[in-house]
Protein backbone atom coordinates (compact mmCIF):
# COMPACT_ATOMS: atom_id res chain seq x y z
CA MET A 1 0.06 -0.09 0.01
CA THR A 2 1.30 3.36 -0.97
CA GLU A 3 0.06 6.55 0.48
CA SER A 4 1.46 10.00 0.92
CA PHE A 5 1.41 11.27 4.56
CA SER A 6 1.97 14.62 6.00
CA ILE A 7 3.05 15.80 9.89
CA ARG A 8 1.72 18.87 11.64
CA LEU A 9 2.25 20.41 14.90
CA ALA A 10 -0.45 19.13 17.18
CA THR A 11 -2.77 21.82 18.93
CA ALA A 12 -5.18 21.41 21.81
CA ALA A 13 -7.96 20.59 19.60
CA ASP A 14 -6.00 17.28 19.11
CA ALA A 15 -6.21 16.20 22.81
CA PRO A 16 -9.36 13.69 22.26
CA VAL A 17 -7.49 11.69 19.58
CA LEU A 18 -3.83 11.94 21.31
CA ALA A 19 -5.60 10.94 24.42
CA GLY A 20 -7.21 7.77 22.73
CA HIS A 21 -4.00 6.77 21.29
CA ARG A 22 -2.05 6.89 24.57
CA ALA A 23 -4.73 4.48 25.95
CA GLY A 24 -4.45 2.42 23.01
CA MET A 25 -0.66 1.93 23.40
CA PHE A 26 -1.17 0.83 27.27
CA ARG A 27 -3.99 -1.34 26.30
CA ASP A 28 -1.94 -2.76 23.38
CA MET A 29 0.99 -3.43 25.90
CA GLY A 30 -1.49 -5.42 28.18
CA GLU A 31 -0.85 -2.73 30.79
CA LEU A 32 -4.56 -0.91 30.84
CA PRO A 33 -7.56 -3.25 32.05
CA GLU A 34 -10.53 -1.99 29.93
CA HIS A 35 -12.32 -0.89 32.79
CA LEU A 36 -9.70 1.98 33.47
CA ALA A 37 -9.42 2.98 29.76
CA PRO A 38 -12.13 5.85 30.14
CA ALA A 39 -10.57 7.53 33.29
CA LEU A 40 -7.09 7.39 31.61
CA VAL A 41 -8.46 8.80 28.37
CA ASP A 42 -10.14 11.70 30.32
CA ALA A 43 -7.37 12.58 32.36
CA THR A 44 -4.82 12.35 29.48
CA ARG A 45 -7.41 14.50 27.42
CA ARG A 46 -7.40 17.31 29.91
CA TYR A 47 -3.38 17.23 30.24
CA PHE A 48 -3.01 17.77 26.60
CA GLU A 49 -5.58 20.60 26.68
CA GLU A 50 -3.27 22.29 29.22
CA ALA A 51 -0.06 21.11 28.36
CA ILE A 52 -0.04 22.00 24.49
CA PRO A 53 -0.84 25.75 24.99
CA ALA A 54 1.39 26.05 27.83
CA GLY A 55 4.33 24.68 25.76
CA GLU A 56 4.73 21.84 28.09
CA TYR A 57 4.10 19.47 25.58
CA VAL A 58 5.19 19.71 21.60
CA GLY A 59 3.67 17.15 19.44
CA TRP A 60 3.55 16.32 15.95
CA VAL A 61 0.71 14.25 14.25
CA ALA A 62 0.83 12.44 11.14
CA PHE A 63 -2.05 12.17 8.61
CA PRO A 64 -3.22 10.82 4.86
CA ARG A 65 -2.20 13.68 2.78
CA GLY A 66 -5.77 15.81 2.27
CA SER A 67 -7.16 14.51 5.50
CA VAL A 68 -5.91 16.90 8.03
CA HIS A 69 -7.96 15.66 10.91
CA GLU A 70 -7.45 12.11 10.27
CA ILE A 71 -4.84 11.56 12.79
CA ILE A 72 -3.02 8.09 12.54
CA ALA A 73 0.17 8.35 14.62
CA GLY A 74 1.96 10.88 16.80
CA ALA A 75 4.77 11.46 18.83
CA GLY A 76 5.78 14.38 21.09
CA VAL A 77 8.20 15.90 24.09
CA GLN A 78 7.20 16.65 27.18
CA ILE A 79 9.24 19.64 28.91
CA ARG A 80 9.73 19.12 32.56
CA PRO A 81 11.45 21.11 35.07
CA ARG A 82 14.67 19.47 36.38
CA GLU A 83 14.27 17.45 39.30
CA ASP A 84 18.16 17.20 40.24
CA PRO A 85 19.11 20.36 42.48
CA LYS A 86 22.69 19.83 41.36
CA ASP A 87 21.62 20.37 37.75
CA HIS A 88 21.74 23.90 36.88
CA ARG A 89 19.71 23.41 33.60
CA ARG A 90 16.31 24.37 34.14
CA ARG A 91 14.08 21.76 32.26
CA ARG A 92 14.55 18.44 30.44
CA ALA A 93 12.64 16.95 27.59
CA LEU A 94 11.25 13.31 27.51
CA LEU A 95 10.28 11.82 24.04
CA CYS A 96 6.69 10.34 23.81
CA LEU A 97 5.51 7.99 20.91
CA ASP A 98 2.07 6.65 20.61
CA SER A 99 1.37 3.22 19.35
CA SER A 100 -0.12 3.73 16.05
CA ALA A 101 1.87 2.88 13.17
CA LEU A 102 2.34 3.87 9.66
CA VAL A 103 1.64 0.51 7.78
């Protein structure tokens, strides 16, 4: 199958899809019982809705060319304060990937 894909920055409007991808990743790893999925999706959606506009999460989403709202995969970076008082850098980044695949 040959398709063309594009990538764009994630926005707070993408929060529901990003949250669903995150829950799907944990479910596929066998780490998320089905009855807990709705709570994780809701909490994660709220996190993305706040963290993206605040610059605490920078994400990218992939979509089939021409279908900008059909998100099929994503990746992002969480920007966090340093926890080690001996480290004088103010922030650190964590790379986050979702479980969707471009197949």
